[in-house]
């Protein structure tokens, strides 16, 4: 077996390894080349920071890593770890992390971040063995929105640009990596703003193509006035009542959890965000 950093030329083989590794996952999924490219761009995945294990030139395991500077420090995000079924139980994840350790030290990486499904106990144990600790619990929701606005408190309009200064002033929690500001600036999802007397009072970011919502927030002084419901009613209309997802909502956002459930969504799976300081 050979362990090495990935290159751009490895991406077709990476796609095969992803689909082979996740075909029998707790939540099975498959990607095509376009979807993998989108994932790599929006999550700032860098091949040379990512690792593959090869046997006879076949990629049998991998870790994809996204890289960002946050508060002046280099943070690395595990955007996906996979091992083909026939090669599990051989400690390959630990071997990949051991291989990458000197590289991370050379680049003065301050923290590693990853997400793992709550029920995947074997993976959690493997990450804990490699020095990761649970940082927070993230809730994932799905279903068909069943939203009926009672009042038209606000005027809901498309936003031509992301008003991050305003958006962030509405936040009670920090979005996870896939929904963070750099991801949204790259993915460029649709944006709707709710205005009260020409003042932005709430917003939602969503992707009509993959039926995923990324962020929704209402200014504290405008909460419990029906603005969030108005925003989701517009999303519901634009998605023609198809099923939607919103992933990785911090468990600490209890009011948001209750709101999403009230709008017809179900908290069907949870993840742990795990971190490791270097």
C-alpha atoms as a PDB file:
ATOM      1  CA  UNK A   1       0.000   0.000   0.000  1.00  0.00           C
ATOM      2  CA  UNK A   2       1.060   3.579  -0.696  1.00  0.00           C
ATOM      3  CA  UNK A   3      -0.108   6.624   1.280  1.00  0.00           C
ATOM      4  CA  UNK A   4       0.375  10.016  -0.338  1.00  0.00           C
ATOM      5  CA  UNK A   5      -1.094  13.466  -0.834  1.00  0.00           C
ATOM      6  CA  UNK A   6      -3.530  13.858  -3.710  1.00  0.00           C
ATOM      7  CA  UNK A   7      -3.129  15.828  -6.926  1.00  0.00           C
ATOM      8  CA  UNK A   8      -5.622  17.214  -9.433  1.00  0.00           C
ATOM      9  CA  UNK A   9      -4.994  14.113 -11.547  1.00  0.00           C
ATOM     10  CA  UNK A  10      -6.353  11.915  -8.738  1.00  0.00           C
ATOM     11  CA  UNK A  11      -9.827  13.497  -8.757  1.00  0.00           C
ATOM     12  CA  UNK A  12     -11.456  10.912 -11.116  1.00  0.00           C
ATOM     13  CA  UNK A  13     -10.139   8.117  -8.872  1.00  0.00           C
ATOM     14  CA  UNK A  14     -11.274  10.059  -5.799  1.00  0.00           C
ATOM     15  CA  UNK A  15     -14.807  10.130  -7.213  1.00  0.00           C
ATOM     16  CA  UNK A  16     -14.761   6.329  -7.619  1.00  0.00           C
ATOM     17  CA  UNK A  17     -13.452   5.907  -4.064  1.00  0.00           C
ATOM     18  CA  UNK A  18     -16.128   8.219  -2.640  1.00  0.00           C
ATOM     19  CA  UNK A  19     -18.939   6.337  -4.338  1.00  0.00           C
ATOM     20  CA  UNK A  20     -17.470   2.964  -3.384  1.00  0.00           C
ATOM     21  CA  UNK A  21     -17.034   3.984   0.241  1.00  0.00           C
ATOM     22  CA  UNK A  22     -20.428   5.582   0.790  1.00  0.00           C
ATOM     23  CA  UNK A  23     -22.660   3.140  -1.104  1.00  0.00           C
ATOM     24  CA  UNK A  24     -23.348   1.271   2.159  1.00  0.00           C
ATOM     25  CA  UNK A  25     -23.071   4.258   4.511  1.00  0.00           C
ATOM     26  CA  UNK A  26     -25.624   5.057   7.238  1.00  0.00           C
ATOM     27  CA  UNK A  27     -26.976   7.657   4.808  1.00  0.00           C
ATOM     28  CA  UNK A  28     -25.935   6.249   1.401  1.00  0.00           C
ATOM     29  CA  UNK A  29     -25.064   8.789  -1.249  1.00  0.00           C
ATOM     30  CA  UNK A  30     -23.354   9.004  -4.614  1.00  0.00           C
ATOM     31  CA  UNK A  31     -21.777  11.939  -6.420  1.00  0.00           C
ATOM     32  CA  UNK A  32     -21.175  12.682 -10.078  1.00  0.00           C
ATOM     33  CA  UNK A  33     -18.167  14.620 -11.368  1.00  0.00           C
ATOM     34  CA  UNK A  34     -20.025  17.943 -11.370  1.00  0.00           C
ATOM     35  CA  UNK A  35     -21.243  17.474  -7.792  1.00  0.00           C
ATOM     36  CA  UNK A  36     -17.741  16.603  -6.589  1.00  0.00           C
ATOM     37  CA  UNK A  37     -16.352  19.698  -8.293  1.00  0.00           C
ATOM     38  CA  UNK A  38     -19.010  21.836  -6.583  1.00  0.00           C
ATOM     39  CA  UNK A  39     -18.216  20.241  -3.216  1.00  0.00           C
ATOM     40  CA  UNK A  40     -14.503  20.853  -3.643  1.00  0.00           C
ATOM     41  CA  UNK A  41     -15.023  24.491  -4.593  1.00  0.00           C
ATOM     42  CA  UNK A  42     -17.630  25.392  -1.975  1.00  0.00           C
ATOM     43  CA  UNK A  43     -15.823  23.601   0.869  1.00  0.00           C
ATOM     44  CA  UNK A  44     -12.363  24.855  -0.258  1.00  0.00           C
ATOM     45  CA  UNK A  45     -11.017  21.315  -0.577  1.00  0.00           C
ATOM     46  CA  UNK A  46      -7.357  21.327  -1.609  1.00  0.00           C
ATOM     47  CA  UNK A  47      -5.919  18.134  -3.162  1.00  0.00           C
ATOM     48  CA  UNK A  48      -2.417  18.501  -1.701  1.00  0.00           C
ATOM     49  CA  UNK A  49      -3.925  18.789   1.802  1.00  0.00           C
ATOM     50  CA  UNK A  50      -5.927  15.615   1.134  1.00  0.00           C
ATOM     51  CA  UNK A  51      -4.684  12.045   1.470  1.00  0.00           C
ATOM     52  CA  UNK A  52      -5.221   8.794  -0.370  1.00  0.00           C
ATOM     53  CA  UNK A  53      -4.246   5.189   0.251  1.00  0.00           C
ATOM     54  CA  UNK A  54      -3.481   3.200  -2.907  1.00  0.00           C
ATOM     55  CA  UNK A  55      -3.103  -0.478  -3.637  1.00  0.00           C
ATOM     56  CA  UNK A  56      -1.887  -1.346  -7.137  1.00  0.00           C
ATOM     57  CA  UNK A  57      -2.722   2.243  -8.177  1.00  0.00           C
ATOM     58  CA  UNK A  58      -6.316   1.847  -6.951  1.00  0.00           C
ATOM     59  CA  UNK A  59      -7.479   4.375  -4.341  1.00  0.00           C
ATOM     60  CA  UNK A  60      -8.851   2.356  -1.457  1.00  0.00           C
ATOM     61  CA  UNK A  61      -9.149   5.082   1.206  1.00  0.00           C
ATOM     62  CA  UNK A  62      -9.076   8.871   1.373  1.00  0.00           C
ATOM     63  CA  UNK A  63      -9.490  11.968   3.495  1.00  0.00           C
ATOM     64  CA  UNK A  64     -10.552  15.191   1.761  1.00  0.00           C
ATOM     65  CA  UNK A  65      -9.501  18.379   3.520  1.00  0.00           C
ATOM     66  CA  UNK A  66     -10.770  21.928   3.176  1.00  0.00           C
ATOM     67  CA  UNK A  67      -8.483  24.740   4.301  1.00  0.00           C
ATOM     68  CA  UNK A  68      -9.396  28.230   5.551  1.00  0.00           C
ATOM     69  CA  UNK A  69      -7.915  31.042   7.596  1.00  0.00           C
ATOM     70  CA  UNK A  70     -10.261  31.800  10.498  1.00  0.00           C
ATOM     71  CA  UNK A  71      -9.422  34.588  12.949  1.00  0.00           C
ATOM     72  CA  UNK A  72      -5.888  34.617  11.595  1.00  0.00           C
ATOM     73  CA  UNK A  73      -5.359  30.885  12.142  1.00  0.00           C
ATOM     74  CA  UNK A  74      -5.233  28.013   9.671  1.00  0.00           C
ATOM     75  CA  UNK A  75      -8.130  25.594  10.175  1.00  0.00           C
ATOM     76  CA  UNK A  76      -8.453  22.299   8.282  1.00  0.00           C
ATOM     77  CA  UNK A  77     -11.850  20.656   7.749  1.00  0.00           C
ATOM     78  CA  UNK A  78     -12.329  16.960   7.064  1.00  0.00           C
ATOM     79  CA  UNK A  79     -14.775  17.167   4.157  1.00  0.00           C
ATOM     80  CA  UNK A  80     -15.058  13.408   3.846  1.00  0.00           C
ATOM     81  CA  UNK A  81     -13.291  10.232   4.951  1.00  0.00           C
ATOM     82  CA  UNK A  82     -13.900   6.927   3.236  1.00  0.00           C
ATOM     83  CA  UNK A  83     -12.518   3.408   3.110  1.00  0.00           C
ATOM     84  CA  UNK A  84     -13.663   0.813   0.587  1.00  0.00           C
ATOM     85  CA  UNK A  85     -15.557  -2.027   2.342  1.00  0.00           C
ATOM     86  CA  UNK A  86     -12.894  -4.691   1.696  1.00  0.00           C
ATOM     87  CA  UNK A  87     -10.214  -2.604   3.410  1.00  0.00           C
ATOM     88  CA  UNK A  88     -11.965  -1.556   6.605  1.00  0.00           C
ATOM     89  CA  UNK A  89     -10.661  -2.549  10.025  1.00  0.00           C
ATOM     90  CA  UNK A  90      -7.021  -2.014   9.040  1.00  0.00           C
ATOM     91  CA  UNK A  91      -6.536   1.327  10.771  1.00  0.00           C
ATOM     92  CA  UNK A  92      -6.162   3.228   7.512  1.00  0.00           C
ATOM     93  CA  UNK A  93      -7.754   6.428   8.859  1.00  0.00           C
ATOM     94  CA  UNK A  94      -5.193   6.620  11.652  1.00  0.00           C
ATOM     95  CA  UNK A  95      -2.382   5.897   9.192  1.00  0.00           C
ATOM     96  CA  UNK A  96      -3.528   8.729   6.935  1.00  0.00           C
ATOM     97  CA  UNK A  97      -3.632  11.186   9.837  1.00  0.00           C
ATOM     98  CA  UNK A  98      -0.181  10.061  10.987  1.00  0.00           C
ATOM     99  CA  UNK A  99       1.153  10.571   7.469  1.00  0.00           C
ATOM    100  CA  UNK A 100      -0.302  14.080   7.263  1.00  0.00           C
ATOM    101  CA  UNK A 101       0.833  15.219  10.725  1.00  0.00           C
ATOM    102  CA  UNK A 102       4.259  16.651   9.697  1.00  0.00           C
ATOM    103  CA  UNK A 103       2.632  18.524   6.803  1.00  0.00           C
ATOM    104  CA  UNK A 104       0.073  20.110   9.125  1.00  0.00           C
ATOM    105  CA  UNK A 105       2.840  21.076  11.547  1.00  0.00           C
ATOM    106  CA  UNK A 106       4.902  22.687   8.791  1.00  0.00           C
ATOM    107  CA  UNK A 107       1.922  24.860   7.824  1.00  0.00           C
ATOM    108  CA  UNK A 108       1.190  25.738  11.476  1.00  0.00           C
ATOM    109  CA  UNK A 109      -2.363  24.411  11.371  1.00  0.00           C
ATOM    110  CA  UNK A 110      -4.108  25.332  14.621  1.00  0.00           C
ATOM    111  CA  UNK A 111      -7.191  23.120  14.464  1.00  0.00           C
ATOM    112  CA  UNK A 112      -8.784  20.178  12.666  1.00  0.00           C
ATOM    113  CA  UNK A 113     -12.575  19.997  12.328  1.00  0.00           C
ATOM    114  CA  UNK A 114     -14.852  17.194  11.164  1.00  0.00           C
ATOM    115  CA  UNK A 115     -18.460  16.026  11.318  1.00  0.00           C
ATOM    116  CA  UNK A 116     -19.613  12.482  12.014  1.00  0.00           C
ATOM    117  CA  UNK A 117     -23.085  10.981  12.243  1.00  0.00           C
ATOM    118  CA  UNK A 118     -24.104  10.536  15.876  1.00  0.00           C
ATOM    119  CA  UNK A 119     -24.903   6.839  15.505  1.00  0.00           C
ATOM    120  CA  UNK A 120     -21.585   6.002  13.807  1.00  0.00           C
ATOM    121  CA  UNK A 121     -19.931   4.881  17.020  1.00  0.00           C
ATOM    122  CA  UNK A 122     -16.996   3.119  15.366  1.00  0.00           C
ATOM    123  CA  UNK A 123     -16.008   6.277  13.485  1.00  0.00           C
ATOM    124  CA  UNK A 124     -16.393   8.408  16.624  1.00  0.00           C
ATOM    125  CA  UNK A 125     -14.119   6.037  18.544  1.00  0.00           C
ATOM    126  CA  UNK A 126     -11.557   6.141  15.732  1.00  0.00           C
ATOM    127  CA  UNK A 127     -11.532   9.943  15.732  1.00  0.00           C
ATOM    128  CA  UNK A 128     -11.325  10.096  19.531  1.00  0.00           C
ATOM    129  CA  UNK A 129      -8.373   7.727  19.347  1.00  0.00           C
ATOM    130  CA  UNK A 130      -6.725  10.254  17.036  1.00  0.00           C
ATOM    131  CA  UNK A 131      -7.236  13.117  19.479  1.00  0.00           C
ATOM    132  CA  UNK A 132     -10.574  14.588  18.395  1.00  0.00           C
ATOM    133  CA  UNK A 133     -13.176  15.690  20.945  1.00  0.00           C
ATOM    134  CA  UNK A 134     -16.880  16.441  20.472  1.00  0.00           C
ATOM    135  CA  UNK A 135     -17.379  20.202  20.182  1.00  0.00           C
ATOM    136  CA  UNK A 136     -21.118  20.467  19.493  1.00  0.00           C
ATOM    137  CA  UNK A 137     -24.121  18.527  18.227  1.00  0.00           C
ATOM    138  CA  UNK A 138     -25.593  19.447  14.845  1.00  0.00           C
ATOM    139  CA  UNK A 139     -29.182  18.676  13.851  1.00  0.00           C
ATOM    140  CA  UNK A 140     -30.317  17.837  10.312  1.00  0.00           C
ATOM    141  CA  UNK A 141     -33.881  18.407   9.124  1.00  0.00           C
ATOM    142  CA  UNK A 142     -35.826  17.273   6.089  1.00  0.00           C
ATOM    143  CA  UNK A 143     -39.322  17.073   4.712  1.00  0.00           C
ATOM    144  CA  UNK A 144     -41.942  19.113   2.924  1.00  0.00           C
ATOM    145  CA  UNK A 145     -42.556  22.608   4.204  1.00  0.00           C
ATOM    146  CA  UNK A 146     -46.119  23.078   5.472  1.00  0.00           C
ATOM    147  CA  UNK A 147     -46.049  26.797   5.935  1.00  0.00           C
ATOM    148  CA  UNK A 148     -49.061  29.078   6.098  1.00  0.00           C
ATOM    149  CA  UNK A 149     -48.265  32.700   6.918  1.00  0.00           C
ATOM    150  CA  UNK A 150     -50.806  34.311   9.224  1.00  0.00           C
ATOM    151  CA  UNK A 151     -49.634  37.856   8.620  1.00  0.00           C
ATOM    152  CA  UNK A 152     -47.725  39.655   5.917  1.00  0.00           C
ATOM    153  CA  UNK A 153     -45.517  41.423   8.412  1.00  0.00           C
ATOM    154  CA  UNK A 154     -42.701  41.996   5.935  1.00  0.00           C
ATOM    155  CA  UNK A 155     -42.048  42.450   2.243  1.00  0.00           C
ATOM    156  CA  UNK A 156     -40.087  39.422   0.977  1.00  0.00           C
ATOM    157  CA  UNK A 157     -37.777  40.205  -1.930  1.00  0.00           C
ATOM    158  CA  UNK A 158     -34.833  38.550  -3.721  1.00  0.00           C
ATOM    159  CA  UNK A 159     -31.434  39.831  -2.619  1.00  0.00           C
ATOM    160  CA  UNK A 160     -28.884  40.617  -5.304  1.00  0.00           C
ATOM    161  CA  UNK A 161     -25.958  40.330  -2.901  1.00  0.00           C
ATOM    162  CA  UNK A 162     -25.212  38.880   0.532  1.00  0.00           C
ATOM    163  CA  UNK A 163     -25.404  41.527   3.225  1.00  0.00           C
ATOM    164  CA  UNK A 164     -23.067  39.749   5.612  1.00  0.00           C
ATOM    165  CA  UNK A 165     -22.794  42.563   8.140  1.00  0.00           C
ATOM    166  CA  UNK A 166     -26.579  42.525   8.559  1.00  0.00           C
ATOM    167  CA  UNK A 167     -26.885  38.741   8.314  1.00  0.00           C
ATOM    168  CA  UNK A 168     -24.310  38.112  11.026  1.00  0.00           C
ATOM    169  CA  UNK A 169     -25.980  40.593  13.358  1.00  0.00           C
ATOM    170  CA  UNK A 170     -29.019  38.244  13.337  1.00  0.00           C
ATOM    171  CA  UNK A 171     -27.040  35.118  14.312  1.00  0.00           C
ATOM    172  CA  UNK A 172     -27.365  33.323  17.638  1.00  0.00           C
ATOM    173  CA  UNK A 173     -25.150  30.453  16.465  1.00  0.00           C
ATOM    174  CA  UNK A 174     -22.283  30.008  14.025  1.00  0.00           C
ATOM    175  CA  UNK A 175     -22.987  28.019  10.859  1.00  0.00           C
ATOM    176  CA  UNK A 176     -20.938  24.895  10.240  1.00  0.00           C
ATOM    177  CA  UNK A 177     -18.273  24.726   7.516  1.00  0.00           C
ATOM    178  CA  UNK A 178     -20.596  23.852   4.619  1.00  0.00           C
ATOM    179  CA  UNK A 179     -22.887  26.801   5.383  1.00  0.00           C
ATOM    180  CA  UNK A 180     -20.259  29.315   6.509  1.00  0.00           C
ATOM    181  CA  UNK A 181     -19.585  32.619   4.752  1.00  0.00           C
ATOM    182  CA  UNK A 182     -16.795  31.344   2.417  1.00  0.00           C
ATOM    183  CA  UNK A 183     -18.982  28.403   1.329  1.00  0.00           C
ATOM    184  CA  UNK A 184     -21.917  30.688   0.588  1.00  0.00           C
ATOM    185  CA  UNK A 185     -19.761  33.183  -1.300  1.00  0.00           C
ATOM    186  CA  UNK A 186     -18.601  30.329  -3.536  1.00  0.00           C
ATOM    187  CA  UNK A 187     -21.880  28.416  -3.874  1.00  0.00           C
ATOM    188  CA  UNK A 188     -23.941  31.589  -4.433  1.00  0.00           C
ATOM    189  CA  UNK A 189     -27.323  30.164  -3.354  1.00  0.00           C
ATOM    190  CA  UNK A 190     -30.550  32.078  -3.859  1.00  0.00           C
ATOM    191  CA  UNK A 191     -31.178  34.732  -1.209  1.00  0.00           C
ATOM    192  CA  UNK A 192     -34.437  36.223   0.015  1.00  0.00           C
ATOM    193  CA  UNK A 193     -34.700  39.174   2.360  1.00  0.00           C
ATOM    194  CA  UNK A 194     -37.646  40.215   4.516  1.00  0.00           C
ATOM    195  CA  UNK A 195     -37.981  43.975   4.859  1.00  0.00           C
ATOM    196  CA  UNK A 196     -39.964  45.971   7.393  1.00  0.00           C
ATOM    197  CA  UNK A 197     -40.148  49.694   6.569  1.00  0.00           C
ATOM    198  CA  UNK A 198     -37.177  49.277   4.177  1.00  0.00           C
ATOM    199  CA  UNK A 199     -35.096  47.676   6.959  1.00  0.00           C
ATOM    200  CA  UNK A 200     -33.774  44.126   6.517  1.00  0.00           C
ATOM    201  CA  UNK A 201     -35.431  42.074   9.246  1.00  0.00           C
ATOM    202  CA  UNK A 202     -34.624  38.518   8.152  1.00  0.00           C
ATOM    203  CA  UNK A 203     -33.183  36.393   5.350  1.00  0.00           C
ATOM    204  CA  UNK A 204     -32.886  32.872   4.005  1.00  0.00           C
ATOM    205  CA  UNK A 205     -30.255  31.286   1.746  1.00  0.00           C
ATOM    206  CA  UNK A 206     -31.264  28.200  -0.255  1.00  0.00           C
ATOM    207  CA  UNK A 207     -30.366  26.252  -3.374  1.00  0.00           C
ATOM    208  CA  UNK A 208     -33.354  25.545  -5.657  1.00  0.00           C
ATOM    209  CA  UNK A 209     -31.349  22.891  -7.554  1.00  0.00           C
ATOM    210  CA  UNK A 210     -30.525  20.567  -4.661  1.00  0.00           C
ATOM    211  CA  UNK A 211     -33.484  21.660  -2.469  1.00  0.00           C
ATOM    212  CA  UNK A 212     -31.251  22.631   0.434  1.00  0.00           C
ATOM    213  CA  UNK A 213     -31.532  25.553   2.807  1.00  0.00           C
ATOM    214  CA  UNK A 214     -28.272  26.797   4.266  1.00  0.00           C
ATOM    215  CA  UNK A 215     -29.125  29.684   6.550  1.00  0.00           C
ATOM    216  CA  UNK A 216     -32.227  31.372   7.951  1.00  0.00           C
ATOM    217  CA  UNK A 217     -32.239  34.098  10.580  1.00  0.00           C
ATOM    218  CA  UNK A 218     -34.438  36.943  11.796  1.00  0.00           C
ATOM    219  CA  UNK A 219     -33.287  40.061  13.638  1.00  0.00           C
ATOM    220  CA  UNK A 220     -33.915  39.687  17.399  1.00  0.00           C
ATOM    221  CA  UNK A 221     -36.292  42.655  17.539  1.00  0.00           C
ATOM    222  CA  UNK A 222     -38.450  41.184  14.736  1.00  0.00           C
ATOM    223  CA  UNK A 223     -38.810  37.611  16.000  1.00  0.00           C
ATOM    224  CA  UNK A 224     -42.160  35.987  16.726  1.00  0.00           C
ATOM    225  CA  UNK A 225     -43.883  38.279  14.228  1.00  0.00           C
ATOM    226  CA  UNK A 226     -44.240  35.737  11.400  1.00  0.00           C
ATOM    227  CA  UNK A 227     -41.226  36.863   9.338  1.00  0.00           C
ATOM    228  CA  UNK A 228     -39.511  33.468   9.393  1.00  0.00           C
ATOM    229  CA  UNK A 229     -42.752  31.825   8.293  1.00  0.00           C
ATOM    230  CA  UNK A 230     -43.083  34.311   5.438  1.00  0.00           C
ATOM    231  CA  UNK A 231     -39.572  33.536   4.258  1.00  0.00           C
ATOM    232  CA  UNK A 232     -40.179  29.786   4.292  1.00  0.00           C
ATOM    233  CA  UNK A 233     -43.519  30.223   2.524  1.00  0.00           C
ATOM    234  CA  UNK A 234     -41.651  31.880  -0.337  1.00  0.00           C
ATOM    235  CA  UNK A 235     -39.059  29.079  -0.374  1.00  0.00           C
ATOM    236  CA  UNK A 236     -41.900  26.552  -0.394  1.00  0.00           C
ATOM    237  CA  UNK A 237     -43.458  28.269  -3.402  1.00  0.00           C
ATOM    238  CA  UNK A 238     -40.192  28.520  -5.334  1.00  0.00           C
ATOM    239  CA  UNK A 239     -39.457  24.841  -4.726  1.00  0.00           C
ATOM    240  CA  UNK A 240     -42.977  23.813  -5.776  1.00  0.00           C
ATOM    241  CA  UNK A 241     -43.625  22.062  -2.466  1.00  0.00           C
ATOM    242  CA  UNK A 242     -40.794  19.580  -2.992  1.00  0.00           C
ATOM    243  CA  UNK A 243     -38.906  18.118  -0.043  1.00  0.00           C
ATOM    244  CA  UNK A 244     -36.158  20.284   1.393  1.00  0.00           C
ATOM    245  CA  UNK A 245     -33.199  19.803   3.720  1.00  0.00           C
ATOM    246  CA  UNK A 246     -31.394  22.012   6.175  1.00  0.00           C
ATOM    247  CA  UNK A 247     -28.335  20.415   7.719  1.00  0.00           C
ATOM    248  CA  UNK A 248     -26.079  21.022  10.687  1.00  0.00           C
ATOM    249  CA  UNK A 249     -28.163  23.341  12.839  1.00  0.00           C
ATOM    250  CA  UNK A 250     -26.427  23.854  16.174  1.00  0.00           C
ATOM    251  CA  UNK A 251     -28.373  22.026  18.900  1.00  0.00           C
ATOM    252  CA  UNK A 252     -28.055  25.175  21.024  1.00  0.00           C
ATOM    253  CA  UNK A 253     -30.522  26.913  18.681  1.00  0.00           C
ATOM    254  CA  UNK A 254     -33.546  25.440  20.459  1.00  0.00           C
ATOM    255  CA  UNK A 255     -35.946  28.081  19.118  1.00  0.00           C
ATOM    256  CA  UNK A 256     -34.850  27.423  15.536  1.00  0.00           C
ATOM    257  CA  UNK A 257     -35.344  23.678  16.059  1.00  0.00           C
ATOM    258  CA  UNK A 258     -38.901  24.218  17.286  1.00  0.00           C
ATOM    259  CA  UNK A 259     -39.590  26.658  14.446  1.00  0.00           C
ATOM    260  CA  UNK A 260     -38.423  24.249  11.732  1.00  0.00           C
ATOM    261  CA  UNK A 261     -40.487  21.421  13.213  1.00  0.00           C
ATOM    262  CA  UNK A 262     -43.515  23.709  13.314  1.00  0.00           C
ATOM    263  CA  UNK A 263     -42.995  24.352   9.591  1.00  0.00           C
ATOM    264  CA  UNK A 264     -43.281  20.624   8.853  1.00  0.00           C
ATOM    265  CA  UNK A 265     -39.633  19.521   8.879  1.00  0.00           C
ATOM    266  CA  UNK A 266     -38.375  16.511  10.809  1.00  0.00           C
ATOM    267  CA  UNK A 267     -35.123  16.238  12.719  1.00  0.00           C
ATOM    268  CA  UNK A 268     -34.243  12.894  11.189  1.00  0.00           C
ATOM    269  CA  UNK A 269     -30.491  12.594  11.825  1.00  0.00           C
ATOM    270  CA  UNK A 270     -27.806  14.274  13.917  1.00  0.00           C
ATOM    271  CA  UNK A 271     -24.078  14.783  13.680  1.00  0.00           C
ATOM    272  CA  UNK A 272     -21.270  15.657  16.058  1.00  0.00           C
ATOM    273  CA  UNK A 273     -18.820  18.361  15.109  1.00  0.00           C
ATOM    274  CA  UNK A 274     -15.473  17.189  16.447  1.00  0.00           C
ATOM    275  CA  UNK A 275     -12.296  19.236  16.770  1.00  0.00           C
ATOM    276  CA  UNK A 276      -8.639  18.632  17.442  1.00  0.00           C
ATOM    277  CA  UNK A 277      -6.238  21.379  18.454  1.00  0.00           C
ATOM    278  CA  UNK A 278      -2.687  21.079  17.151  1.00  0.00           C
END
